[in-house]
Amino acid sequence: MRRLVVLITLFFLQIAPATFAQTVTLDYYFNHETHKTNKGTERFHYLWTDDKDSGFSIWGDIFKADGFKLDTLSVAPTIDNLRNTAVYIIVDPDTKKETAKPNYIQNKDADEIAAWVKTGGVLVLMANDSANVELPHFNILTAKFGLHFNNDLQNHVVDDKHFSDGIGLPVDKTIFPSAPKLFLKDVCSIGVTNPDAKAVIKSADGKADIAVIVKYGKGVVFAVGDPWLYNEYTNGRLPSAYENDVAAKEFTTWLKKQTKR
């Protein structure tokens, strides 16, 4: 009997990481920018490990403080290789200007990701203004959820004297309970055909949706028109009145709650 108890305990210890681990996986496949340094050709832009303005190290630290394990995915996503992922983030898919041979999102990729969300996955999609992101293929994926990143430019900020042109207006207190003062510069708006989608952040003039959420099966999708939580805009680069650092913490807390759905 005791041997049976031990075997059962070992079994559950083996499956526990896959079942209960809160892992946030950052896409390194559709976004795979490189540049040349004195060390050779290196990855950069929106990396967990990048502590410069271009990285996500600050947001990564917020995730870790909230109990998440950080991971990356450098190959095409499938429902199998996302099996142990609670939150999957796709940021700013590459254009040919950024990468010689970009990995465009294909129909198969969209099918796999949508199937994963349907089972309970939490998907975060971060676009950019159309001059800096590959939107046509990105929208193959967003169409699965009744969303569309528009080829436009919202919250255009000319220079540091015009920060107020980049204000984002939070309209969902379940995600941003303290209604922090948000900054999202040069973003694309989001078109919505799914009647269940809800606006989360509006543009500075209040006319355009620049962040929305929509439930899909057992999961949820958060789409935003900019990679607005990278280090440059969460580490004091902004005037003190702006609170993207507060928003990052509140958003991460909300994401964690979604993983328990």
Protein backbone atom coordinates (compact mmCIF):
# COMPACT_ATOMS: atom_id res chain seq x y z
CA MET A 1 0.00 0.00 0.00
CA ARG A 2 2.79 2.37 0.96
CA ARG A 3 4.53 1.66 -2.35
CA LEU A 4 1.32 2.56 -4.21
CA VAL A 5 1.08 5.87 -2.34
CA VAL A 6 4.69 6.68 -3.21
CA LEU A 7 4.13 5.87 -6.88
CA ILE A 8 1.01 8.04 -7.01
CA THR A 9 2.85 10.91 -5.31
CA LEU A 10 5.74 10.68 -7.79
CA PHE A 11 3.29 10.65 -10.69
CA PHE A 12 1.62 13.87 -9.54
CA LEU A 13 4.98 15.52 -8.89
CA GLN A 14 5.97 14.74 -12.47
CA ILE A 15 2.82 16.18 -14.02
CA ALA A 16 2.49 19.15 -11.67
CA PRO A 17 4.83 21.49 -13.59
CA ALA A 18 2.86 20.97 -16.80
CA THR A 19 -0.47 21.30 -15.06
CA PHE A 20 0.04 24.11 -12.58
CA ALA A 21 3.15 26.09 -13.61
CA GLN A 22 2.41 29.67 -14.57
CA THR A 23 4.72 30.16 -17.53
CA VAL A 24 4.73 33.28 -19.70
CA THR A 25 6.23 32.61 -23.12
CA LEU A 26 7.52 35.42 -25.32
CA ASP A 27 7.57 34.79 -29.07
CA TYR A 28 11.07 34.89 -30.58
CA TYR A 29 9.97 33.46 -33.95
CA PHE A 30 7.73 36.04 -35.63
CA ASN A 31 9.83 38.76 -34.04
CA HIS A 32 13.46 37.89 -34.64
CA GLU A 33 15.28 41.16 -35.22
CA THR A 34 19.08 41.19 -35.34
CA HIS A 35 21.78 43.82 -35.55
CA LYS A 36 25.54 43.82 -35.85
CA THR A 37 27.65 44.52 -32.78
CA ASN A 38 31.34 44.14 -32.00
CA LYS A 39 30.48 40.56 -31.01
CA GLY A 40 28.88 39.77 -34.38
CA THR A 41 25.21 39.48 -35.34
CA GLU A 42 22.99 39.45 -32.26
CA ARG A 43 19.29 39.36 -31.43
CA PHE A 44 17.73 42.51 -30.04
CA HIS A 45 14.38 44.24 -29.51
CA TYR A 46 11.69 42.97 -27.13
CA LEU A 47 13.78 40.34 -25.35
CA TRP A 48 13.41 39.24 -21.72
CA THR A 49 17.19 39.44 -21.38
CA ASP A 50 17.61 42.93 -22.86
CA ASP A 51 17.95 45.54 -20.10
CA LYS A 52 18.40 48.44 -22.53
CA ASP A 53 15.52 50.68 -23.63
CA SER A 54 14.61 48.16 -26.36
CA GLY A 55 14.07 45.21 -24.02
CA PHE A 56 11.36 43.65 -21.87
CA SER A 57 13.54 42.99 -18.82
CA ILE A 58 11.49 45.27 -16.54
CA TRP A 59 8.21 43.63 -17.52
CA GLY A 60 9.90 40.25 -17.15
CA ASP A 61 10.87 41.15 -13.57
CA ILE A 62 7.23 42.11 -12.89
CA PHE A 63 6.10 38.71 -14.17
CA LYS A 64 8.64 36.93 -11.98
CA ALA A 65 7.58 38.94 -8.94
CA ASP A 66 4.01 37.78 -9.62
CA GLY A 67 5.08 34.12 -9.60
CA PHE A 68 5.56 33.50 -13.32
CA LYS A 69 8.38 31.59 -14.98
CA LEU A 70 9.78 33.29 -18.10
CA ASP A 71 10.17 31.31 -21.31
CA THR A 72 10.66 31.95 -25.03
CA LEU A 73 9.58 30.21 -28.23
CA SER A 74 11.97 30.41 -31.18
CA VAL A 75 10.04 28.07 -33.49
CA ALA A 76 6.56 28.19 -34.99
CA PRO A 77 3.92 27.82 -32.27
CA THR A 78 1.80 24.69 -32.05
CA ILE A 79 -0.79 23.56 -29.55
CA ASP A 80 1.78 20.99 -28.40
CA ASN A 81 4.74 23.32 -27.82
CA LEU A 82 2.42 25.80 -26.07
CA ARG A 83 1.07 23.08 -23.79
CA ASN A 84 2.97 24.27 -20.72
CA THR A 85 2.41 27.97 -21.44
CA ALA A 86 -0.18 29.97 -19.52
CA VAL A 87 0.42 33.32 -21.26
CA TYR A 88 1.80 33.64 -24.81
CA ILE A 89 2.95 37.06 -26.03
CA ILE A 90 3.51 37.96 -29.70
CA VAL A 91 5.12 41.37 -30.21
CA ASP A 92 5.72 43.37 -33.37
CA PRO A 93 6.13 40.66 -36.06
CA ASP A 94 9.02 41.42 -38.43
CA THR A 95 8.90 43.20 -41.76
CA LYS A 96 11.48 42.67 -44.49
CA LYS A 97 12.97 46.00 -43.47
CA GLU A 98 13.82 44.46 -40.10
CA THR A 99 14.68 40.89 -41.09
CA ALA A 100 15.89 39.54 -44.42
CA LYS A 101 13.69 36.45 -44.19
CA PRO A 102 10.88 37.15 -41.73
CA ASN A 103 8.73 34.34 -40.39
CA TYR A 104 5.27 35.52 -41.39
CA ILE A 105 2.23 34.26 -39.51
CA GLN A 106 0.53 31.65 -41.69
CA ASN A 107 -2.94 30.08 -41.60
CA LYS A 108 -1.55 26.99 -39.87
CA ASP A 109 0.05 29.14 -37.17
CA ALA A 110 -3.24 30.98 -36.62
CA ASP A 111 -5.12 27.68 -36.36
CA GLU A 112 -2.67 26.28 -33.81
CA ILE A 113 -2.67 29.42 -31.67
CA ALA A 114 -6.46 29.74 -31.77
CA ALA A 115 -6.83 26.08 -30.75
CA TRP A 116 -4.51 26.71 -27.80
CA VAL A 117 -6.47 29.78 -26.69
CA LYS A 118 -9.71 27.84 -26.98
CA THR A 119 -8.44 25.34 -24.43
CA GLY A 120 -7.75 28.13 -21.93
CA GLY A 121 -4.63 29.94 -23.13
CA VAL A 122 -4.12 33.65 -22.51
CA LEU A 123 -2.85 35.40 -25.64
CA VAL A 124 -1.33 38.90 -25.76
CA LEU A 125 -0.93 40.49 -29.20
CA MET A 126 1.14 43.66 -29.46
CA ALA A 127 1.30 45.40 -32.83
CA ASN A 128 2.84 48.77 -33.75
CA ASP A 129 2.20 51.54 -36.23
CA SER A 130 2.01 50.11 -39.76
CA ALA A 131 5.46 51.45 -40.73
CA ASN A 132 7.08 49.23 -38.10
CA VAL A 133 5.09 45.99 -38.04
CA GLU A 134 3.96 43.38 -40.54
CA LEU A 135 0.18 43.71 -40.29
CA PRO A 136 -1.27 41.66 -43.20
CA HIS A 137 -0.11 38.31 -41.81
CA PHE A 138 -0.63 39.38 -38.20
CA ASN A 139 -4.27 39.95 -39.13
CA ILE A 140 -4.61 36.34 -40.27
CA LEU A 141 -4.33 35.55 -36.57
CA THR A 142 -6.46 38.41 -35.23
CA ALA A 143 -9.27 37.47 -37.63
CA LYS A 144 -9.73 34.25 -35.66
CA PHE A 145 -10.98 36.39 -32.78
CA GLY A 146 -12.95 38.99 -34.73
CA LEU A 147 -10.24 41.67 -34.48
CA HIS A 148 -8.19 43.62 -37.02
CA PHE A 149 -5.12 45.82 -36.60
CA ASN A 150 -5.78 48.85 -38.80
CA ASN A 151 -3.26 50.44 -41.15
CA ASP A 152 -3.33 53.82 -39.42
CA LEU A 153 -1.45 55.97 -36.94
CA GLN A 154 -2.97 56.98 -33.60
CA ASN A 155 -1.38 58.96 -30.76
CA HIS A 156 1.37 60.35 -32.95
CA VAL A 157 4.02 62.07 -30.82
CA VAL A 158 6.36 64.45 -32.63
CA ASP A 159 8.91 64.90 -29.83
CA ASP A 160 9.35 64.93 -26.05
CA LYS A 161 7.60 68.29 -25.80
CA HIS A 162 4.34 66.64 -26.87
CA PHE A 163 3.98 63.68 -24.52
CA SER A 164 0.32 64.50 -23.99
CA ASP A 165 -0.40 63.44 -27.60
CA GLY A 166 0.43 59.89 -26.53
CA ILE A 167 -2.05 59.58 -23.67
CA GLY A 168 -4.01 56.34 -23.58
CA LEU A 169 -7.40 56.45 -21.91
CA PRO A 170 -8.10 53.31 -19.80
CA VAL A 171 -11.75 52.32 -19.99
CA ASP A 172 -11.72 48.97 -18.17
CA LYS A 173 -11.11 49.10 -14.42
CA THR A 174 -11.03 45.32 -14.12
CA ILE A 175 -7.61 45.47 -15.80
CA PHE A 176 -6.42 48.88 -14.64
CA PRO A 177 -8.20 49.41 -11.31
CA SER A 178 -6.23 52.53 -10.36
CA ALA A 179 -6.88 54.16 -13.77
CA PRO A 180 -3.15 54.94 -14.23
CA LYS A 181 -2.05 57.63 -16.66
CA LEU A 182 -0.99 55.67 -19.74
CA PHE A 183 1.38 56.50 -22.57
CA LEU A 184 1.12 54.71 -25.93
CA LYS A 185 3.00 56.44 -28.73
CA ASP A 186 2.43 55.96 -32.48
CA VAL A 187 0.01 53.05 -32.33
CA CYS A 188 -2.43 51.43 -34.72
CA SER A 189 -6.11 51.22 -33.89
CA ILE A 190 -8.08 47.99 -33.69
CA GLY A 191 -11.19 47.19 -35.68
CA VAL A 192 -13.72 44.88 -34.07
CA THR A 193 -16.25 42.55 -35.69
CA ASN A 194 -16.76 40.31 -32.67
CA PRO A 195 -19.68 41.70 -30.64
CA ASP A 196 -18.20 40.23 -27.46
CA ALA A 197 -14.95 42.22 -27.75
CA LYS A 198 -14.52 45.07 -25.24
CA ALA A 199 -12.41 48.20 -25.45
CA VAL A 200 -9.73 48.47 -22.78
CA ILE A 201 -7.76 51.56 -23.86
CA LYS A 202 -8.88 54.41 -26.12
CA SER A 203 -6.69 56.81 -28.10
CA ALA A 204 -5.89 60.27 -26.73
CA ASP A 205 -8.86 61.80 -28.57
CA GLY A 206 -11.16 59.03 -27.31
CA LYS A 207 -12.23 58.05 -30.83
CA ALA A 208 -10.25 54.88 -31.52
CA ASP A 209 -9.86 51.55 -29.72
CA ILE A 210 -6.15 50.90 -29.24
CA ALA A 211 -6.48 47.94 -26.85
CA VAL A 212 -9.29 45.39 -26.65
CA ILE A 213 -10.03 42.06 -25.01
CA VAL A 214 -12.17 39.19 -26.22
CA LYS A 215 -12.93 35.79 -24.76
CA TYR A 216 -12.40 32.79 -27.02
CA GLY A 217 -13.48 29.39 -25.81
CA LYS A 218 -11.98 28.93 -22.36
CA GLY A 219 -9.25 31.47 -23.07
CA VAL A 220 -8.89 35.20 -23.65
CA VAL A 221 -7.09 37.50 -26.07
CA PHE A 222 -5.69 40.94 -25.25
CA ALA A 223 -4.72 42.95 -28.34
CA VAL A 224 -2.98 46.34 -28.27
CA GLY A 225 -1.67 48.54 -31.08
CA ASP A 226 1.82 49.04 -29.62
CA PRO A 227 4.54 47.17 -27.65
CA TRP A 228 4.07 49.86 -25.01
CA LEU A 229 5.49 48.05 -21.98
CA TYR A 230 9.12 47.78 -23.09
CA ASN A 231 11.84 49.29 -20.94
CA GLU A 232 11.94 52.71 -22.57
CA TYR A 233 8.45 53.46 -21.30
CA THR A 234 8.43 51.65 -17.95
CA ASN A 235 11.72 52.82 -16.42
CA GLY A 236 11.48 56.55 -15.92
CA ARG A 237 11.99 57.63 -19.53
CA LEU A 238 8.54 59.19 -19.27
CA PRO A 239 7.69 62.25 -17.17
CA SER A 240 6.77 61.20 -13.64
CA ALA A 241 3.06 61.91 -14.23
CA TYR A 242 2.82 58.87 -16.53
CA GLU A 243 2.33 55.48 -14.94
CA ASN A 244 3.13 52.75 -17.44
CA ASP A 245 5.07 50.99 -14.68
CA VAL A 246 1.89 50.87 -12.56
CA ALA A 247 -0.09 49.72 -15.60
CA ALA A 248 2.42 46.91 -16.26
CA LYS A 249 1.93 45.58 -12.73
CA GLU A 250 -1.87 45.80 -12.89
CA PHE A 251 -1.96 44.22 -16.34
CA THR A 252 0.28 41.36 -15.21
CA THR A 253 -1.94 40.75 -12.18
CA TRP A 254 -4.96 40.61 -14.48
CA LEU A 255 -3.18 38.17 -16.81
CA LYS A 256 -2.44 35.90 -13.86
CA LYS A 257 -6.11 35.89 -12.89
CA GLN A 258 -7.03 34.85 -16.43
CA THR A 259 -4.76 31.81 -16.21
CA LYS A 260 -6.92 30.50 -13.35
CA ARG A 261 -10.10 30.58 -15.40
